Amino acid sequence: MEKHVSYKTQGVCSKGIEFDIVDGVVHNVQFIGGCRGNTQGVARLAEGMEASELIKRLKGVECRGDNSCPNQFALAIEQNL
């Protein structure tokens, strides 16, 4: 199964996240806005990882209060599995 996701983030610097889920694996991650170095780093590390593993690693990461771009990414993945 292949799915392209366009996710509008809430409460963080990035405005959105685009990515594909192919057979439970995440590909082509792109953050729109946000801290360029950090979001590029997260995107590159996420490439080719199992969606369920990314959720476990990123959910709950804090930056602004109890939220962050990685946390928003985890929520986006979770909502689209």
PDB file of N, CA and C in Angstrom:
ATOM      1  N   MET A   1       0.835  -1.178   0.000  1.00  0.00           N
ATOM      2  CA  MET A   1       0.000   0.000   0.000  1.00  0.00           C
ATOM      3  C   MET A   1       0.882   1.245   0.000  1.00  0.00           C
ATOM      4  N   GLU A   2       0.531   2.226  -0.806  1.00  0.00           N
ATOM      5  CA  GLU A   2       1.284   3.476  -0.896  1.00  0.00           C
ATOM      6  C   GLU A   2       0.357   4.646  -0.619  1.00  0.00           C
ATOM      7  N   LYS A   3       0.837   5.593   0.205  1.00  0.00           N
ATOM      8  CA  LYS A   3       0.023   6.746   0.564  1.00  0.00           C
ATOM      9  C   LYS A   3       0.909   7.982   0.666  1.00  0.00           C
ATOM     10  N   HIS A   4       0.490   9.084   0.033  1.00  0.00           N
ATOM     11  CA  HIS A   4       1.179  10.363   0.181  1.00  0.00           C
ATOM     12  C   HIS A   4       0.416  11.173   1.218  1.00  0.00           C
ATOM     13  N   VAL A   5       1.160  11.784   2.145  1.00  0.00           N
ATOM     14  CA  VAL A   5       0.551  12.541   3.233  1.00  0.00           C
ATOM     15  C   VAL A   5       1.006  13.995   3.182  1.00  0.00           C
ATOM     16  N   SER A   6       0.064  14.905   3.277  1.00  0.00           N
ATOM     17  CA  SER A   6       0.317  16.336   3.467  1.00  0.00           C
ATOM     18  C   SER A   6      -0.337  16.695   4.790  1.00  0.00           C
ATOM     19  N   TYR A   7       0.487  17.002   5.784  1.00  0.00           N
ATOM     20  CA  TYR A   7      -0.010  17.217   7.149  1.00  0.00           C
ATOM     21  C   TYR A   7       0.240  18.660   7.565  1.00  0.00           C
ATOM     22  N   LYS A   8      -0.801  19.335   8.021  1.00  0.00           N
ATOM     23  CA  LYS A   8      -0.673  20.700   8.530  1.00  0.00           C
ATOM     24  C   LYS A   8      -0.364  20.626  10.018  1.00  0.00           C
ATOM     25  N   THR A   9       0.808  21.129  10.391  1.00  0.00           N
ATOM     26  CA  THR A   9       1.243  21.059  11.786  1.00  0.00           C
ATOM     27  C   THR A   9       0.517  22.095  12.639  1.00  0.00           C
ATOM     28  N   GLN A  10       0.576  21.895  13.949  1.00  0.00           N
ATOM     29  CA  GLN A  10      -0.069  22.803  14.893  1.00  0.00           C
ATOM     30  C   GLN A  10       0.887  23.116  16.039  1.00  0.00           C
ATOM     31  N   GLY A  11       1.073  24.412  16.321  1.00  0.00           N
ATOM     32  CA  GLY A  11       1.835  24.832  17.492  1.00  0.00           C
ATOM     33  C   GLY A  11       3.336  24.709  17.391  1.00  0.00           C
ATOM     34  N   VAL A  12       3.878  24.575  16.181  1.00  0.00           N
ATOM     35  CA  VAL A  12       5.330  24.473  16.004  1.00  0.00           C
ATOM     36  C   VAL A  12       5.784  25.408  14.878  1.00  0.00           C
ATOM     37  N   CYS A  13       7.089  25.534  14.710  1.00  0.00           N
ATOM     38  CA  CYS A  13       7.645  26.440  13.700  1.00  0.00           C
ATOM     39  C   CYS A  13       7.344  25.993  12.275  1.00  0.00           C
ATOM     40  N   SER A  14       7.428  24.709  12.002  1.00  0.00           N
ATOM     41  CA  SER A  14       7.133  24.241  10.644  1.00  0.00           C
ATOM     42  C   SER A  14       5.637  24.366  10.379  1.00  0.00           C
ATOM     43  N   LYS A  15       5.302  24.653   9.133  1.00  0.00           N
ATOM     44  CA  LYS A  15       3.892  24.833   8.749  1.00  0.00           C
ATOM     45  C   LYS A  15       3.235  23.536   8.295  1.00  0.00           C
ATOM     46  N   GLY A  16       4.054  22.566   7.899  1.00  0.00           N
ATOM     47  CA  GLY A  16       3.505  21.310   7.421  1.00  0.00           C
ATOM     48  C   GLY A  16       4.590  20.282   7.200  1.00  0.00           C
ATOM     49  N   ILE A  17       4.156  19.050   6.960  1.00  0.00           N
ATOM     50  CA  ILE A  17       5.059  17.931   6.689  1.00  0.00           C
ATOM     51  C   ILE A  17       4.465  17.126   5.552  1.00  0.00           C
ATOM     52  N   GLU A  18       5.297  16.789   4.576  1.00  0.00           N
ATOM     53  CA  GLU A  18       4.884  15.941   3.453  1.00  0.00           C
ATOM     54  C   GLU A  18       5.750  14.685   3.494  1.00  0.00           C
ATOM     55  N   PHE A  19       5.119  13.541   3.270  1.00  0.00           N
ATOM     56  CA  PHE A  19       5.871  12.285   3.238  1.00  0.00           C
ATOM     57  C   PHE A  19       5.025  11.200   2.603  1.00  0.00           C
ATOM     58  N   ASP A  20       5.684  10.098   2.273  1.00  0.00           N
ATOM     59  CA  ASP A  20       5.010   8.921   1.733  1.00  0.00           C
ATOM     60  C   ASP A  20       5.155   7.770   2.718  1.00  0.00           C
ATOM     61  N   ILE A  21       4.128   6.945   2.771  1.00  0.00           N
ATOM     62  CA  ILE A  21       4.199   5.681   3.510  1.00  0.00           C
ATOM     63  C   ILE A  21       3.980   4.576   2.481  1.00  0.00           C
ATOM     64  N   VAL A  22       4.987   3.714   2.331  1.00  0.00           N
ATOM     65  CA  VAL A  22       4.912   2.609   1.379  1.00  0.00           C
ATOM     66  C   VAL A  22       5.122   1.314   2.155  1.00  0.00           C
ATOM     67  N   ASP A  23       4.077   0.505   2.224  1.00  0.00           N
ATOM     68  CA  ASP A  23       4.130  -0.763   2.961  1.00  0.00           C
ATOM     69  C   ASP A  23       4.683  -0.588   4.372  1.00  0.00           C
ATOM     70  N   GLY A  24       4.227   0.464   5.051  1.00  0.00           N
ATOM     71  CA  GLY A  24       4.618   0.692   6.444  1.00  0.00           C
ATOM     72  C   GLY A  24       5.965   1.358   6.635  1.00  0.00           C
ATOM     73  N   VAL A  25       6.598   1.782   5.546  1.00  0.00           N
ATOM     74  CA  VAL A  25       7.917   2.419   5.606  1.00  0.00           C
ATOM     75  C   VAL A  25       7.794   3.862   5.118  1.00  0.00           C
ATOM     76  N   VAL A  26       8.463   4.777   5.808  1.00  0.00           N
ATOM     77  CA  VAL A  26       8.374   6.208   5.503  1.00  0.00           C
ATOM     78  C   VAL A  26       9.454   6.617   4.504  1.00  0.00           C
ATOM     79  N   HIS A  27       9.042   7.430   3.521  1.00  0.00           N
ATOM     80  CA  HIS A  27       9.954   7.918   2.482  1.00  0.00           C
ATOM     81  C   HIS A  27       9.647   9.376   2.147  1.00  0.00           C
ATOM     82  N   ASN A  28      10.613  10.048   1.538  1.00  0.00           N
ATOM     83  CA  ASN A  28      10.429  11.383   0.947  1.00  0.00           C
ATOM     84  C   ASN A  28       9.890  12.412   1.929  1.00  0.00           C
ATOM     85  N   VAL A  29      10.462  12.469   3.117  1.00  0.00           N
ATOM     86  CA  VAL A  29       9.998  13.392   4.151  1.00  0.00           C
ATOM     87  C   VAL A  29      10.478  14.808   3.840  1.00  0.00           C
ATOM     88  N   GLN A  30       9.559  15.752   3.935  1.00  0.00           N
ATOM     89  CA  GLN A  30       9.900  17.155   3.729  1.00  0.00           C
ATOM     90  C   GLN A  30       9.086  18.002   4.695  1.00  0.00           C
ATOM     91  N   PHE A  31       9.788  18.755   5.537  1.00  0.00           N
ATOM     92  CA  PHE A  31       9.141  19.708   6.425  1.00  0.00           C
ATOM     93  C   PHE A  31       9.027  21.034   5.692  1.00  0.00           C
ATOM     94  N   ILE A  32       7.912  21.720   5.836  1.00  0.00           N
ATOM     95  CA  ILE A  32       7.715  23.025   5.247  1.00  0.00           C
ATOM     96  C   ILE A  32       7.955  24.052   6.351  1.00  0.00           C
ATOM     97  N   GLY A  33       9.035  24.806   6.232  1.00  0.00           N
ATOM     98  CA  GLY A  33       9.409  25.772   7.263  1.00  0.00           C
ATOM     99  C   GLY A  33      10.046  25.088   8.454  1.00  0.00           C
ATOM    100  N   GLY A  34      10.173  25.826   9.536  1.00  0.00           N
ATOM    101  CA  GLY A  34      10.787  25.295  10.742  1.00  0.00           C
ATOM    102  C   GLY A  34      12.288  25.524  10.759  1.00  0.00           C
ATOM    103  N   CYS A  35      12.953  24.984  11.731  1.00  0.00           N
ATOM    104  CA  CYS A  35      14.406  25.109  11.874  1.00  0.00           C
ATOM    105  C   CYS A  35      15.064  24.197  10.846  1.00  0.00           C
ATOM    106  N   ARG A  36      15.602  24.797   9.812  1.00  0.00           N
ATOM    107  CA  ARG A  36      16.047  24.057   8.633  1.00  0.00           C
ATOM    108  C   ARG A  36      16.978  22.875   8.955  1.00  0.00           C
ATOM    109  N   GLY A  37      17.994  23.104   9.739  1.00  0.00           N
ATOM    110  CA  GLY A  37      18.940  22.030  10.051  1.00  0.00           C
ATOM    111  C   GLY A  37      18.292  20.883  10.798  1.00  0.00           C
ATOM    112  N   ASN A  38      17.484  21.220  11.786  1.00  0.00           N
ATOM    113  CA  ASN A  38      16.828  20.178  12.581  1.00  0.00           C
ATOM    114  C   ASN A  38      15.828  19.381  11.757  1.00  0.00           C
ATOM    115  N   THR A  39      15.016  20.076  10.973  1.00  0.00           N
ATOM    116  CA  THR A  39      14.002  19.356  10.205  1.00  0.00           C
ATOM    117  C   THR A  39      14.632  18.523   9.088  1.00  0.00           C
ATOM    118  N   GLN A  40      15.714  19.030   8.484  1.00  0.00           N
ATOM    119  CA  GLN A  40      16.418  18.221   7.479  1.00  0.00           C
ATOM    120  C   GLN A  40      17.031  16.986   8.124  1.00  0.00           C
ATOM    121  N   GLY A  41      17.575  17.159   9.324  1.00  0.00           N
ATOM    122  CA  GLY A  41      18.156  16.018  10.034  1.00  0.00           C
ATOM    123  C   GLY A  41      17.127  14.953  10.342  1.00  0.00           C
ATOM    124  N   VAL A  42      15.978  15.374  10.860  1.00  0.00           N
ATOM    125  CA  VAL A  42      14.900  14.424  11.162  1.00  0.00           C
ATOM    126  C   VAL A  42      14.446  13.729   9.881  1.00  0.00           C
ATOM    127  N   ALA A  43      14.276  14.504   8.810  1.00  0.00           N
ATOM    128  CA  ALA A  43      13.817  13.932   7.533  1.00  0.00           C
ATOM    129  C   ALA A  43      14.797  12.878   7.018  1.00  0.00           C
ATOM    130  N   ARG A  44      16.081  13.170   7.077  1.00  0.00           N
ATOM    131  CA  ARG A  44      17.083  12.209   6.583  1.00  0.00           C
ATOM    132  C   ARG A  44      17.161  10.960   7.450  1.00  0.00           C
ATOM    133  N   LEU A  45      17.061  11.142   8.749  1.00  0.00           N
ATOM    134  CA  LEU A  45      17.091   9.980   9.643  1.00  0.00           C
ATOM    135  C   LEU A  45      15.854   9.107   9.478  1.00  0.00           C
ATOM    136  N   ALA A  46      14.726   9.732   9.147  1.00  0.00           N
ATOM    137  CA  ALA A  46      13.466   9.000   9.008  1.00  0.00           C
ATOM    138  C   ALA A  46      13.391   8.191   7.715  1.00  0.00           C
ATOM    139  N   GLU A  47      14.136   8.589   6.700  1.00  0.00           N
ATOM    140  CA  GLU A  47      14.068   7.938   5.389  1.00  0.00           C
ATOM    141  C   GLU A  47      14.305   6.432   5.502  1.00  0.00           C
ATOM    142  N   GLY A  48      13.322   5.658   5.042  1.00  0.00           N
ATOM    143  CA  GLY A  48      13.439   4.207   5.010  1.00  0.00           C
ATOM    144  C   GLY A  48      13.128   3.502   6.320  1.00  0.00           C
ATOM    145  N   MET A  49      12.700   4.241   7.326  1.00  0.00           N
ATOM    146  CA  MET A  49      12.380   3.623   8.620  1.00  0.00           C
ATOM    147  C   MET A  49      10.930   3.145   8.664  1.00  0.00           C
ATOM    148  N   GLU A  50      10.709   2.134   9.461  1.00  0.00           N
ATOM    149  CA  GLU A  50       9.352   1.657   9.720  1.00  0.00           C
ATOM    150  C   GLU A  50       8.561   2.758  10.413  1.00  0.00           C
ATOM    151  N   ALA A  51       7.356   2.998   9.950  1.00  0.00           N
ATOM    152  CA  ALA A  51       6.500   4.042  10.512  1.00  0.00           C
ATOM    153  C   ALA A  51       6.282   3.829  12.005  1.00  0.00           C
ATOM    154  N   SER A  52       6.048   2.606  12.417  1.00  0.00           N
ATOM    155  CA  SER A  52       5.792   2.323  13.834  1.00  0.00           C
ATOM    156  C   SER A  52       7.005   2.653  14.700  1.00  0.00           C
ATOM    157  N   GLU A  53       8.199   2.435  14.196  1.00  0.00           N
ATOM    158  CA  GLU A  53       9.418   2.756  14.940  1.00  0.00           C
ATOM    159  C   GLU A  53       9.582   4.273  15.065  1.00  0.00           C
ATOM    160  N   LEU A  54       9.278   5.005  14.005  1.00  0.00           N
ATOM    161  CA  LEU A  54       9.357   6.465  14.066  1.00  0.00           C
ATOM    162  C   LEU A  54       8.389   7.022  15.100  1.00  0.00           C
ATOM    163  N   ILE A  55       7.191   6.481  15.152  1.00  0.00           N
ATOM    164  CA  ILE A  55       6.217   6.942  16.147  1.00  0.00           C
ATOM    165  C   ILE A  55       6.788   6.750  17.546  1.00  0.00           C
ATOM    166  N   LYS A  56       7.336   5.575  17.826  1.00  0.00           N
ATOM    167  CA  LYS A  56       7.902   5.289  19.148  1.00  0.00           C
ATOM    168  C   LYS A  56       9.028   6.251  19.498  1.00  0.00           C
ATOM    169  N   ARG A  57       9.873   6.578  18.528  1.00  0.00           N
ATOM    170  CA  ARG A  57      11.038   7.427  18.794  1.00  0.00           C
ATOM    171  C   ARG A  57      10.710   8.914  18.884  1.00  0.00           C
ATOM    172  N   LEU A  58       9.719   9.376  18.135  1.00  0.00           N
ATOM    173  CA  LEU A  58       9.475  10.817  18.023  1.00  0.00           C
ATOM    174  C   LEU A  58       8.321  11.346  18.859  1.00  0.00           C
ATOM    175  N   LYS A  59       7.344  10.491  19.158  1.00  0.00           N
ATOM    176  CA  LYS A  59       6.178  10.959  19.911  1.00  0.00           C
ATOM    177  C   LYS A  59       6.604  11.388  21.314  1.00  0.00           C
ATOM    178  N   GLY A  60       6.210  12.606  21.680  1.00  0.00           N
ATOM    179  CA  GLY A  60       6.512  13.114  23.012  1.00  0.00           C
ATOM    180  C   GLY A  60       7.773  13.957  23.085  1.00  0.00           C
ATOM    181  N   VAL A  61       8.523  14.096  21.982  1.00  0.00           N
ATOM    182  CA  VAL A  61       9.680  14.978  21.974  1.00  0.00           C
ATOM    183  C   VAL A  61       9.178  16.403  22.194  1.00  0.00           C
ATOM    184  N   GLU A  62       9.809  17.120  23.122  1.00  0.00           N
ATOM    185  CA  GLU A  62       9.342  18.449  23.481  1.00  0.00           C
ATOM    186  C   GLU A  62      10.280  19.539  22.988  1.00  0.00           C
ATOM    187  N   CYS A  63       9.707  20.645  22.550  1.00  0.00           N
ATOM    188  CA  CYS A  63      10.456  21.836  22.158  1.00  0.00           C
ATOM    189  C   CYS A  63       9.699  23.062  22.648  1.00  0.00           C
ATOM    190  N   ARG A  64       8.468  23.177  22.212  1.00  0.00           N
ATOM    191  CA  ARG A  64       7.590  24.283  22.631  1.00  0.00           C
ATOM    192  C   ARG A  64       6.522  23.690  23.539  1.00  0.00           C
ATOM    193  N   GLY A  65       6.755  23.781  24.820  1.00  0.00           N
ATOM    194  CA  GLY A  65       5.832  23.142  25.753  1.00  0.00           C
ATOM    195  C   GLY A  65       5.917  21.638  25.577  1.00  0.00           C
ATOM    196  N   ASP A  66       4.802  21.008  25.352  1.00  0.00           N
ATOM    197  CA  ASP A  66       4.786  19.553  25.184  1.00  0.00           C
ATOM    198  C   ASP A  66       4.690  19.160  23.720  1.00  0.00           C
ATOM    199  N   ASN A  67       5.172  20.025  22.813  1.00  0.00           N
ATOM    200  CA  ASN A  67       5.055  19.782  21.380  1.00  0.00           C
ATOM    201  C   ASN A  67       6.398  20.050  20.698  1.00  0.00           C
ATOM    202  N   SER A  68       6.558  19.574  19.471  1.00  0.00           N
ATOM    203  CA  SER A  68       7.759  19.811  18.662  1.00  0.00           C
ATOM    204  C   SER A  68       7.477  19.356  17.237  1.00  0.00           C
ATOM    205  N   CYS A  69       8.362  19.712  16.325  1.00  0.00           N
ATOM    206  CA  CYS A  69       8.219  19.223  14.948  1.00  0.00           C
ATOM    207  C   CYS A  69       8.312  17.689  14.894  1.00  0.00           C
ATOM    208  N   PRO A  70       9.265  17.054  15.614  1.00  0.00           N
ATOM    209  CA  PRO A  70       9.279  15.590  15.610  1.00  0.00           C
ATOM    210  C   PRO A  70       7.996  14.986  16.181  1.00  0.00           C
ATOM    211  N   ASN A  71       7.445  15.586  17.230  1.00  0.00           N
ATOM    212  CA  ASN A  71       6.195  15.093  17.800  1.00  0.00           C
ATOM    213  C   ASN A  71       5.054  15.216  16.784  1.00  0.00           C
ATOM    214  N   GLN A  72       5.003  16.340  16.072  1.00  0.00           N
ATOM    215  CA  GLN A  72       3.981  16.525  15.047  1.00  0.00           C
ATOM    216  C   GLN A  72       4.139  15.485  13.928  1.00  0.00           C
ATOM    217  N   PHE A  73       5.372  15.168  13.576  1.00  0.00           N
ATOM    218  CA  PHE A  73       5.644  14.140  12.570  1.00  0.00           C
ATOM    219  C   PHE A  73       5.108  12.792  13.043  1.00  0.00           C
ATOM    220  N   ALA A  74       5.368  12.465  14.307  1.00  0.00           N
ATOM    221  CA  ALA A  74       4.859  11.205  14.866  1.00  0.00           C
ATOM    222  C   ALA A  74       3.333  11.163  14.819  1.00  0.00           C
ATOM    223  N   LEU A  75       2.687  12.267  15.164  1.00  0.00           N
ATOM    224  CA  LEU A  75       1.224  12.308  15.116  1.00  0.00           C
ATOM    225  C   LEU A  75       0.709  12.168  13.697  1.00  0.00           C
ATOM    226  N   ALA A  76       1.405  12.794  12.747  1.00  0.00           N
ATOM    227  CA  ALA A  76       1.012  12.691  11.334  1.00  0.00           C
ATOM    228  C   ALA A  76       1.098  11.249  10.846  1.00  0.00           C
ATOM    229  N   ILE A  77       2.180  10.579  11.208  1.00  0.00           N
ATOM    230  CA  ILE A  77       2.348   9.170  10.809  1.00  0.00           C
ATOM    231  C   ILE A  77       1.247   8.331  11.438  1.00  0.00           C
ATOM    232  N   GLU A  78       1.057   8.508  12.735  1.00  0.00           N
ATOM    233  CA  GLU A  78       0.058   7.727  13.475  1.00  0.00           C
ATOM    234  C   GLU A  78      -1.335   7.880  12.864  1.00  0.00           C
ATOM    235  N   GLN A  79      -1.694   9.084  12.477  1.00  0.00           N
ATOM    236  CA  GLN A  79      -3.013   9.330  11.908  1.00  0.00           C
ATOM    237  C   GLN A  79      -3.184   8.748  10.512  1.00  0.00           C
ATOM    238  N   ASN A  80      -2.068   8.424   9.863  1.00  0.00           N
ATOM    239  CA  ASN A  80      -2.146   7.980   8.484  1.00  0.00           C
ATOM    240  C   ASN A  80      -1.720   6.532   8.249  1.00  0.00           C
ATOM    241  N   LEU A  81      -1.585   5.780   9.311  1.00  0.00           N
ATOM    242  CA  LEU A  81      -1.290   4.348   9.148  1.00  0.00           C
ATOM    243  C   LEU A  81      -2.558   3.572   8.894  1.00  0.00           C
TER     244      LEU A  81
END
